[in-house]
Amino acid sequence: RDRKTQAILPLKGKILNVASSSRDKILANQEISDLNVALGCGSRSSYDETNLRYEKVVIMTDADVDGAHIASLLMTYFYKEMQELVKNGHLYLAIPPLYRITAGGVTYYANDDNERSTIIAKLERKYKKIELGRFKGLGEMTPKQLKETTMDPKKRALYKVLLNEENAEDASSKVDSLMGRKPELRFKFIQEQQYFSAKELSEDLNI
């Protein structure tokens, strides 16, 4: 990282789900307290944009299901506790690679199975030996690999988290349904997604 412009705050495992926790439990949580101190801008009614210490707040997690869950918990935290930070375009998601592909002394990175297959298909036309590795997490990357894929502003890829008038109502509904205290809403969402997936599959197969 560039120490002049970048800082890293390691968080241990999955943080508290603020959408289903009491205010007292949120205030007593150490990871959330550390995050609030690091950003310096306060939360909820005491949020002050002028005290935000960083222009970009980037969520970095592993490129797997557990990583996606942790990212969801963090986005829920920012949505519930620092919604103005999200609305003003400060929140981002890093896109760490899932695969490392090496051929001819050059390393390529792939974010998913499709990208991996595309890169390998191109390399096979030119190289006989292709090395493929899968990252289990950010922790097993070398400092050079981390810089190339998630830290270097010139090379990294980021998703910007958007929240505006057009999607505010949908975002509120999704957070309450998926992260809130009512498990029946999550179950309903899963059922709906299964229905649409089955419907799309049947249409693709002309059933």
Protein backbone atom coordinates (compact mmCIF):
# COMPACT_ATOMS: atom_id res chain seq x y z
CA ARG A 1 0.00 0.00 0.00
CA ASP A 2 0.97 3.64 -0.38
CA ARG A 3 1.34 4.79 3.23
CA LYS A 4 0.79 8.41 2.22
CA THR A 5 -2.72 7.80 0.89
CA GLN A 6 -3.83 4.32 1.97
CA ALA A 7 -4.56 2.58 5.26
CA ILE A 8 -5.74 -0.96 6.02
CA LEU A 9 -8.01 -1.91 8.91
CA PRO A 10 -8.07 -5.70 9.44
CA LEU A 11 -11.35 -7.01 10.83
CA LYS A 12 -11.59 -10.41 12.49
CA GLY A 13 -14.03 -12.66 10.65
CA LYS A 14 -17.66 -11.69 10.21
CA ILE A 15 -18.72 -8.45 11.85
CA LEU A 16 -22.00 -7.96 13.68
CA ASN A 17 -25.17 -7.85 11.59
CA VAL A 18 -26.41 -4.40 12.59
CA ALA A 19 -29.77 -4.94 10.87
CA SER A 20 -30.76 -7.58 13.41
CA SER A 21 -28.95 -6.31 16.51
CA SER A 22 -29.95 -3.98 19.34
CA ARG A 23 -28.40 -0.53 19.63
CA ASP A 24 -26.61 -1.52 22.84
CA LYS A 25 -25.08 -4.55 21.15
CA ILE A 26 -23.92 -2.44 18.19
CA LEU A 27 -22.28 0.15 20.43
CA ALA A 28 -20.54 -2.57 22.46
CA ASN A 29 -19.07 -4.35 19.42
CA GLN A 30 -15.28 -3.93 19.21
CA GLU A 31 -14.94 -4.29 15.42
CA ILE A 32 -17.62 -1.66 14.79
CA SER A 33 -16.01 0.63 17.36
CA ASP A 34 -12.64 0.26 15.60
CA LEU A 35 -14.26 1.03 12.24
CA ASN A 36 -15.96 4.15 13.59
CA VAL A 37 -12.71 5.42 15.08
CA ALA A 38 -10.75 4.73 11.87
CA LEU A 39 -13.20 6.64 9.66
CA GLY A 40 -13.65 9.49 12.13
CA CYS A 41 -16.95 10.75 10.73
CA GLY A 42 -19.43 9.51 13.33
CA SER A 43 -22.59 7.54 12.60
CA ARG A 44 -26.34 8.04 12.20
CA SER A 45 -27.43 11.52 13.34
CA SER A 46 -23.86 12.43 14.38
CA TYR A 47 -22.40 11.62 10.94
CA ASP A 48 -20.23 14.50 9.68
CA GLU A 49 -18.88 14.23 6.14
CA THR A 50 -16.19 16.85 6.79
CA ASN A 51 -14.53 14.55 9.32
CA LEU A 52 -14.33 11.53 6.97
CA ARG A 53 -10.64 10.67 6.74
CA TYR A 54 -10.69 8.84 3.40
CA GLU A 55 -12.18 9.63 0.00
CA LYS A 56 -12.65 5.94 -0.79
CA VAL A 57 -13.72 3.29 1.71
CA VAL A 58 -12.96 -0.05 0.06
CA ILE A 59 -14.33 -3.34 1.36
CA MET A 60 -11.78 -6.10 0.68
CA THR A 61 -12.84 -9.71 1.24
CA ASP A 62 -12.00 -13.13 -0.17
CA ALA A 63 -13.44 -14.01 -3.59
CA ASP A 64 -15.69 -16.78 -2.27
CA VAL A 65 -19.07 -17.25 -0.58
CA ASP A 66 -17.74 -16.43 2.90
CA GLY A 67 -16.14 -13.28 1.53
CA ALA A 68 -19.41 -12.25 -0.10
CA HIS A 69 -21.20 -12.77 3.23
CA ILE A 70 -18.70 -10.56 5.05
CA ALA A 71 -19.06 -7.90 2.35
CA SER A 72 -22.85 -8.04 2.76
CA LEU A 73 -22.52 -7.52 6.51
CA LEU A 74 -20.22 -4.54 5.98
CA MET A 75 -22.49 -2.97 3.36
CA THR A 76 -25.39 -3.40 5.78
CA TYR A 77 -23.35 -1.63 8.44
CA PHE A 78 -22.64 1.34 6.17
CA TYR A 79 -26.23 1.46 4.94
CA LYS A 80 -27.67 1.48 8.46
CA GLU A 81 -25.02 3.52 10.27
CA MET A 82 -23.48 5.83 7.63
CA GLN A 83 -26.00 6.06 4.83
CA GLU A 84 -24.73 9.50 3.73
CA LEU A 85 -21.30 7.99 3.15
CA VAL A 86 -22.86 5.58 0.66
CA LYS A 87 -25.08 8.22 -0.97
CA ASN A 88 -22.09 10.49 -1.48
CA GLY A 89 -20.17 7.81 -3.38
CA HIS A 90 -17.44 6.87 -0.92
CA LEU A 91 -18.11 3.13 -0.61
CA TYR A 92 -16.46 0.58 -2.93
CA LEU A 93 -15.96 -3.16 -3.20
CA ALA A 94 -12.57 -4.56 -4.19
CA ILE A 95 -12.62 -7.34 -6.77
CA PRO A 96 -9.86 -9.79 -5.78
CA PRO A 97 -9.10 -12.52 -8.30
CA LEU A 98 -10.12 -16.11 -7.77
CA TYR A 99 -7.48 -17.61 -10.10
CA ARG A 100 -3.84 -16.98 -11.03
CA ILE A 101 -2.78 -18.19 -14.49
CA THR A 102 0.86 -18.20 -15.59
CA ALA A 103 2.20 -18.86 -19.08
CA GLY A 104 5.36 -17.73 -20.82
CA GLY A 105 6.57 -15.99 -17.69
CA VAL A 106 3.51 -13.73 -17.57
CA THR A 107 0.83 -13.88 -14.88
CA TYR A 108 -2.85 -13.31 -15.55
CA TYR A 109 -5.68 -13.03 -13.04
CA ALA A 110 -9.28 -14.23 -13.40
CA ASN A 111 -12.21 -13.18 -11.23
CA ASP A 112 -14.45 -16.17 -11.99
CA ASP A 113 -14.69 -19.49 -13.83
CA ASN A 114 -15.78 -17.92 -17.13
CA GLU A 115 -12.89 -15.47 -17.20
CA ARG A 116 -10.48 -18.28 -16.29
CA SER A 117 -11.73 -20.41 -19.20
CA THR A 118 -11.48 -17.48 -21.63
CA ILE A 119 -7.90 -16.67 -20.64
CA ILE A 120 -6.79 -20.31 -20.78
CA ALA A 121 -8.40 -20.80 -24.19
CA LYS A 122 -6.38 -17.88 -25.57
CA LEU A 123 -3.14 -18.99 -23.94
CA GLU A 124 -3.46 -22.58 -25.18
CA ARG A 125 -3.07 -21.34 -28.75
CA LYS A 126 0.41 -20.09 -27.93
CA TYR A 127 1.73 -22.03 -24.92
CA LYS A 128 1.94 -25.73 -24.09
CA LYS A 129 2.59 -25.23 -20.39
CA ILE A 130 0.03 -23.26 -18.41
CA GLU A 131 0.05 -23.08 -14.62
CA LEU A 132 -3.24 -22.53 -12.82
CA GLY A 133 -3.67 -21.64 -9.16
CA ARG A 134 -6.73 -20.81 -7.10
CA PHE A 135 -6.59 -18.29 -4.27
CA LYS A 136 -8.20 -19.46 -1.04
CA GLY A 137 -8.13 -15.94 0.33
CA LEU A 138 -6.36 -12.60 0.47
CA GLY A 139 -4.15 -13.91 3.26
CA GLU A 140 -2.26 -16.30 0.98
CA MET A 141 -1.41 -13.64 -1.59
CA THR A 142 2.08 -12.17 -1.65
CA PRO A 143 2.44 -8.40 -1.10
CA LYS A 144 3.17 -8.04 -4.82
CA GLN A 145 0.01 -9.93 -5.80
CA LEU A 146 -2.10 -7.88 -3.39
CA LYS A 147 -0.72 -4.67 -4.83
CA GLU A 148 -1.33 -5.77 -8.42
CA THR A 149 -4.89 -6.95 -7.86
CA THR A 150 -6.46 -4.92 -5.05
CA MET A 151 -4.27 -2.02 -3.88
CA ASP A 152 -2.71 -0.30 -6.90
CA PRO A 153 -5.17 2.40 -8.11
CA LYS A 154 -3.78 2.02 -11.65
CA LYS A 155 -4.40 -1.73 -11.87
CA ARG A 156 -7.12 -2.68 -9.40
CA ALA A 157 -10.80 -3.05 -10.24
CA LEU A 158 -13.50 -1.68 -7.94
CA TYR A 159 -17.27 -1.78 -7.78
CA LYS A 160 -18.80 1.49 -6.63
CA VAL A 161 -21.78 1.03 -4.29
CA LEU A 162 -24.55 3.36 -5.44
CA LEU A 163 -27.50 4.60 -3.41
CA ASN A 164 -29.78 7.27 -4.80
CA GLU A 165 -33.44 8.27 -5.05
CA GLU A 166 -34.07 5.74 -7.81
CA ASN A 167 -32.94 2.67 -5.86
CA ALA A 168 -33.42 3.83 -2.26
CA GLU A 169 -36.76 2.07 -1.74
CA ASP A 170 -35.53 -1.18 -3.27
CA ALA A 171 -32.31 -1.04 -1.23
CA SER A 172 -34.27 -0.56 1.99
CA SER A 173 -36.52 -3.50 1.17
CA LYS A 174 -33.58 -5.76 0.28
CA VAL A 175 -31.64 -4.94 3.45
CA ASP A 176 -34.67 -5.52 5.67
CA SER A 177 -35.58 -8.77 3.90
CA LEU A 178 -32.12 -10.31 3.64
CA MET A 179 -30.41 -8.94 6.75
CA GLY A 180 -33.25 -8.15 9.14
CA ARG A 181 -34.77 -10.05 12.05
CA LYS A 182 -37.47 -11.89 10.12
CA PRO A 183 -36.16 -15.21 8.72
CA GLU A 184 -39.43 -15.77 6.84
CA LEU A 185 -38.55 -12.85 4.53
CA ARG A 186 -35.20 -14.45 3.66
CA PHE A 187 -36.93 -17.76 3.05
CA LYS A 188 -39.43 -16.04 0.74
CA PHE A 189 -36.60 -14.39 -1.20
CA ILE A 190 -34.78 -17.73 -1.63
CA GLN A 191 -37.99 -19.37 -2.85
CA GLU A 192 -38.54 -16.59 -5.38
CA GLN A 193 -34.99 -16.88 -6.68
CA GLN A 194 -35.34 -20.65 -7.03
CA TYR A 195 -38.57 -20.15 -8.98
CA PHE A 196 -37.01 -17.68 -11.40
CA SER A 197 -33.91 -19.86 -11.87
CA ALA A 198 -36.07 -22.89 -12.67
CA LYS A 199 -38.23 -20.81 -15.00
CA GLU A 200 -35.19 -19.47 -16.89
CA LEU A 201 -33.75 -22.98 -17.17
CA SER A 202 -36.99 -24.41 -18.55
CA GLU A 203 -37.18 -21.60 -21.10
CA ASP A 204 -33.57 -22.24 -22.17
CA LEU A 205 -34.35 -25.94 -22.61
CA ASN A 206 -37.69 -25.20 -24.31
CA ILE A 207 -39.57 -27.31 -21.76
